[in-house]
Amino acid sequence: MKKQGMRRQLLATVVSNKMDKTVVVMAERMVKHKFYHKYVRRRSKFSSHDENNACRIGDKVLITETRPLSRSKKWRVSKIVQKAI
């Protein structure tokens, strides 16, 4: 029996919820610049599966990597951490 590894999880912010059962989230990370040695903000956008259409723009969500659900969706919303005001 093969042991399954831990799946990647990211904390991200919902930037679009116009599609059905899909939200676009933006994850931000800090990377140290090689030459200037200062930290630079990098952003990545991911299409993520939202089964119940529960997410709204501005929500902080926890997304988990999953099997490919479509051409662009490889992440799933596991829970809403903080609702937008």
N, C-alpha and C. Protein backbone atom coordinates (compact mmCIF):
# COMPACT_ATOMS: atom_id res chain seq x y z
N MET A 1 0.84 -1.18 0.00
CA MET A 1 0.00 0.00 0.00
C MET A 1 0.89 1.24 0.00
N LYS A 2 0.58 2.19 -0.90
CA LYS A 2 1.38 3.39 -1.04
C LYS A 2 0.87 4.48 -0.11
N LYS A 3 1.79 5.16 0.57
CA LYS A 3 1.42 6.23 1.49
C LYS A 3 1.28 7.54 0.72
N GLN A 4 0.18 8.24 0.96
CA GLN A 4 -0.07 9.50 0.28
C GLN A 4 0.61 10.64 1.03
N GLY A 5 1.29 11.52 0.28
CA GLY A 5 1.98 12.63 0.89
C GLY A 5 1.04 13.77 1.23
N MET A 6 1.57 14.76 1.94
CA MET A 6 0.78 15.94 2.29
C MET A 6 0.58 16.80 1.05
N ARG A 7 -0.62 17.31 0.89
CA ARG A 7 -0.91 18.18 -0.25
C ARG A 7 -0.59 19.62 0.14
N ARG A 8 -0.15 20.40 -0.86
CA ARG A 8 0.18 21.80 -0.61
C ARG A 8 -1.07 22.57 -0.24
N GLN A 9 -0.92 23.51 0.69
CA GLN A 9 -2.02 24.39 1.07
C GLN A 9 -1.51 25.82 1.05
N LEU A 10 -2.36 26.74 0.61
CA LEU A 10 -2.00 28.15 0.55
C LEU A 10 -3.13 28.99 1.13
N LEU A 11 -2.76 30.11 1.73
CA LEU A 11 -3.72 31.10 2.18
C LEU A 11 -3.81 32.16 1.09
N ALA A 12 -5.02 32.42 0.59
CA ALA A 12 -5.16 33.32 -0.56
C ALA A 12 -6.41 34.18 -0.39
N THR A 13 -6.52 35.20 -1.24
CA THR A 13 -7.66 36.11 -1.23
C THR A 13 -8.44 35.95 -2.52
N VAL A 14 -9.76 35.91 -2.42
CA VAL A 14 -10.62 35.77 -3.60
C VAL A 14 -10.65 37.10 -4.35
N VAL A 15 -10.34 37.06 -5.66
CA VAL A 15 -10.37 38.28 -6.48
C VAL A 15 -11.48 38.26 -7.52
N SER A 16 -12.04 37.08 -7.81
CA SER A 16 -13.15 36.99 -8.77
C SER A 16 -14.00 35.77 -8.46
N ASN A 17 -15.33 35.95 -8.54
CA ASN A 17 -16.24 34.83 -8.33
C ASN A 17 -17.34 34.81 -9.39
N LYS A 18 -17.02 35.25 -10.58
CA LYS A 18 -18.01 35.39 -11.65
C LYS A 18 -18.38 34.06 -12.30
N MET A 19 -17.53 33.05 -12.16
CA MET A 19 -17.81 31.76 -12.78
C MET A 19 -18.63 30.88 -11.85
N ASP A 20 -19.24 29.84 -12.41
CA ASP A 20 -20.03 28.91 -11.62
C ASP A 20 -19.11 27.86 -11.00
N LYS A 21 -19.15 27.74 -9.68
CA LYS A 21 -18.36 26.79 -8.91
C LYS A 21 -16.85 26.98 -9.05
N THR A 22 -16.43 28.17 -9.45
CA THR A 22 -15.00 28.49 -9.60
C THR A 22 -14.74 29.89 -9.07
N VAL A 23 -13.65 30.04 -8.33
CA VAL A 23 -13.21 31.36 -7.89
C VAL A 23 -11.75 31.52 -8.29
N VAL A 24 -11.36 32.75 -8.57
CA VAL A 24 -9.97 33.06 -8.84
C VAL A 24 -9.40 33.67 -7.56
N VAL A 25 -8.31 33.09 -7.08
CA VAL A 25 -7.70 33.56 -5.85
C VAL A 25 -6.28 34.04 -6.12
N MET A 26 -5.84 34.99 -5.30
CA MET A 26 -4.49 35.51 -5.44
C MET A 26 -3.70 35.20 -4.17
N ALA A 27 -2.59 34.49 -4.35
CA ALA A 27 -1.71 34.15 -3.23
C ALA A 27 -0.47 35.04 -3.30
N GLU A 28 -0.07 35.56 -2.16
CA GLU A 28 1.06 36.48 -2.10
C GLU A 28 2.19 35.83 -1.30
N ARG A 29 3.42 36.01 -1.75
CA ARG A 29 4.57 35.47 -1.03
C ARG A 29 5.70 36.49 -1.10
N MET A 30 6.63 36.39 -0.16
CA MET A 30 7.77 37.30 -0.10
C MET A 30 9.01 36.53 -0.53
N VAL A 31 9.77 37.11 -1.47
CA VAL A 31 10.98 36.48 -2.00
C VAL A 31 12.14 37.45 -1.84
N LYS A 32 13.26 36.94 -1.42
CA LYS A 32 14.44 37.79 -1.25
C LYS A 32 15.11 38.01 -2.61
N HIS A 33 15.37 39.26 -2.96
CA HIS A 33 16.03 39.61 -4.22
C HIS A 33 17.50 39.18 -4.15
N LYS A 34 17.98 38.59 -5.23
CA LYS A 34 19.34 38.03 -5.21
C LYS A 34 20.42 39.09 -5.08
N PHE A 35 20.23 40.22 -5.77
CA PHE A 35 21.29 41.24 -5.77
C PHE A 35 21.09 42.26 -4.66
N TYR A 36 19.87 42.77 -4.52
CA TYR A 36 19.62 43.85 -3.56
C TYR A 36 19.33 43.35 -2.14
N HIS A 37 19.11 42.06 -1.96
CA HIS A 37 18.89 41.45 -0.65
C HIS A 37 17.73 42.06 0.13
N LYS A 38 16.74 42.58 -0.61
CA LYS A 38 15.55 43.05 0.07
C LYS A 38 14.38 42.17 -0.38
N TYR A 39 13.35 42.13 0.42
CA TYR A 39 12.22 41.25 0.12
C TYR A 39 11.25 41.91 -0.83
N VAL A 40 10.84 41.14 -1.85
CA VAL A 40 9.94 41.62 -2.90
C VAL A 40 8.67 40.78 -2.85
N ARG A 41 7.53 41.42 -3.06
CA ARG A 41 6.25 40.73 -3.03
C ARG A 41 5.97 40.09 -4.39
N ARG A 42 5.65 38.82 -4.41
CA ARG A 42 5.28 38.10 -5.64
C ARG A 42 3.85 37.61 -5.48
N ARG A 43 3.07 37.71 -6.56
CA ARG A 43 1.68 37.28 -6.53
C ARG A 43 1.44 36.21 -7.58
N SER A 44 0.58 35.26 -7.25
CA SER A 44 0.18 34.22 -8.18
C SER A 44 -1.33 34.09 -8.14
N LYS A 45 -1.93 33.90 -9.32
CA LYS A 45 -3.38 33.70 -9.39
C LYS A 45 -3.67 32.24 -9.69
N PHE A 46 -4.65 31.69 -9.01
CA PHE A 46 -5.05 30.30 -9.22
C PHE A 46 -6.57 30.23 -9.38
N SER A 47 -7.02 29.40 -10.31
CA SER A 47 -8.44 29.07 -10.40
C SER A 47 -8.69 27.95 -9.42
N SER A 48 -9.70 28.11 -8.59
CA SER A 48 -9.94 27.16 -7.52
C SER A 48 -11.40 26.74 -7.50
N HIS A 49 -11.65 25.47 -7.18
CA HIS A 49 -12.99 24.91 -7.19
C HIS A 49 -13.74 25.27 -5.90
N ASP A 50 -14.92 25.87 -6.05
CA ASP A 50 -15.78 26.26 -4.93
C ASP A 50 -17.13 25.59 -5.14
N GLU A 51 -17.33 24.44 -4.54
CA GLU A 51 -18.50 23.60 -4.81
C GLU A 51 -19.83 24.29 -4.52
N ASN A 52 -19.92 25.02 -3.43
CA ASN A 52 -21.20 25.60 -3.01
C ASN A 52 -21.38 27.06 -3.40
N ASN A 53 -20.47 27.62 -4.18
CA ASN A 53 -20.48 29.05 -4.55
C ASN A 53 -20.59 29.92 -3.30
N ALA A 54 -19.84 29.59 -2.26
CA ALA A 54 -19.92 30.29 -0.98
C ALA A 54 -18.98 31.48 -0.88
N CYS A 55 -17.95 31.53 -1.70
CA CYS A 55 -16.93 32.57 -1.60
C CYS A 55 -17.38 33.87 -2.26
N ARG A 56 -17.00 34.97 -1.63
CA ARG A 56 -17.25 36.30 -2.17
C ARG A 56 -15.91 37.01 -2.35
N ILE A 57 -15.90 38.07 -3.13
CA ILE A 57 -14.67 38.82 -3.39
C ILE A 57 -14.16 39.42 -2.07
N GLY A 58 -12.88 39.22 -1.80
CA GLY A 58 -12.26 39.74 -0.59
C GLY A 58 -12.13 38.73 0.53
N ASP A 59 -12.77 37.57 0.40
CA ASP A 59 -12.66 36.53 1.42
C ASP A 59 -11.25 35.96 1.46
N LYS A 60 -10.78 35.64 2.66
CA LYS A 60 -9.51 34.93 2.83
C LYS A 60 -9.86 33.44 2.89
N VAL A 61 -9.25 32.65 2.02
CA VAL A 61 -9.57 31.22 1.94
C VAL A 61 -8.31 30.38 2.02
N LEU A 62 -8.49 29.14 2.45
CA LEU A 62 -7.42 28.15 2.46
C LEU A 62 -7.68 27.22 1.28
N ILE A 63 -6.73 27.15 0.35
CA ILE A 63 -6.89 26.29 -0.82
C ILE A 63 -5.93 25.12 -0.73
N THR A 64 -6.37 23.99 -1.27
CA THR A 64 -5.58 22.76 -1.22
C THR A 64 -5.38 22.24 -2.62
N GLU A 65 -4.17 21.79 -2.91
CA GLU A 65 -3.86 21.24 -4.22
C GLU A 65 -4.61 19.91 -4.38
N THR A 66 -5.13 19.67 -5.59
CA THR A 66 -5.90 18.47 -5.85
C THR A 66 -5.62 17.97 -7.26
N ARG A 67 -6.28 16.89 -7.63
CA ARG A 67 -6.13 16.38 -8.99
C ARG A 67 -6.71 17.41 -9.97
N PRO A 68 -6.30 17.40 -11.24
CA PRO A 68 -6.85 18.36 -12.19
C PRO A 68 -8.36 18.17 -12.36
N LEU A 69 -9.12 19.24 -12.10
CA LEU A 69 -10.56 19.21 -12.24
C LEU A 69 -10.99 19.74 -13.61
N SER A 70 -10.16 20.55 -14.22
CA SER A 70 -10.38 21.05 -15.57
C SER A 70 -9.02 21.50 -16.10
N ARG A 71 -9.04 22.20 -17.22
CA ARG A 71 -7.78 22.65 -17.82
C ARG A 71 -7.01 23.60 -16.90
N SER A 72 -7.74 24.46 -16.19
CA SER A 72 -7.07 25.46 -15.36
C SER A 72 -7.23 25.22 -13.86
N LYS A 73 -8.15 24.37 -13.43
CA LYS A 73 -8.41 24.18 -12.00
C LYS A 73 -7.65 22.98 -11.45
N LYS A 74 -6.70 23.28 -10.58
CA LYS A 74 -5.95 22.24 -9.90
C LYS A 74 -5.92 22.47 -8.39
N TRP A 75 -6.76 23.40 -7.93
CA TRP A 75 -6.85 23.74 -6.52
C TRP A 75 -8.33 23.70 -6.11
N ARG A 76 -8.56 23.46 -4.81
CA ARG A 76 -9.91 23.37 -4.26
C ARG A 76 -9.97 24.22 -2.99
N VAL A 77 -11.05 24.97 -2.81
CA VAL A 77 -11.24 25.75 -1.59
C VAL A 77 -11.57 24.79 -0.47
N SER A 78 -10.71 24.71 0.57
CA SER A 78 -10.98 23.79 1.66
C SER A 78 -11.79 24.45 2.76
N LYS A 79 -11.52 25.74 3.05
CA LYS A 79 -12.37 26.46 4.00
C LYS A 79 -12.17 27.96 3.85
N ILE A 80 -13.20 28.69 4.28
CA ILE A 80 -13.15 30.15 4.29
C ILE A 80 -12.63 30.55 5.67
N VAL A 81 -11.48 31.19 5.68
CA VAL A 81 -10.83 31.57 6.94
C VAL A 81 -11.45 32.83 7.51
N GLN A 82 -11.66 33.84 6.62
CA GLN A 82 -12.21 35.12 7.06
C GLN A 82 -13.11 35.67 5.96
N LYS A 83 -14.32 36.06 6.34
CA LYS A 83 -15.26 36.63 5.38
C LYS A 83 -14.92 38.10 5.14
N ALA A 84 -15.22 38.57 3.92
CA ALA A 84 -15.01 39.98 3.59
C ALA A 84 -16.09 40.82 4.26
N ILE A 85 -15.76 42.04 4.56
CA ILE A 85 -16.73 42.95 5.20
C ILE A 85 -17.63 43.57 4.16
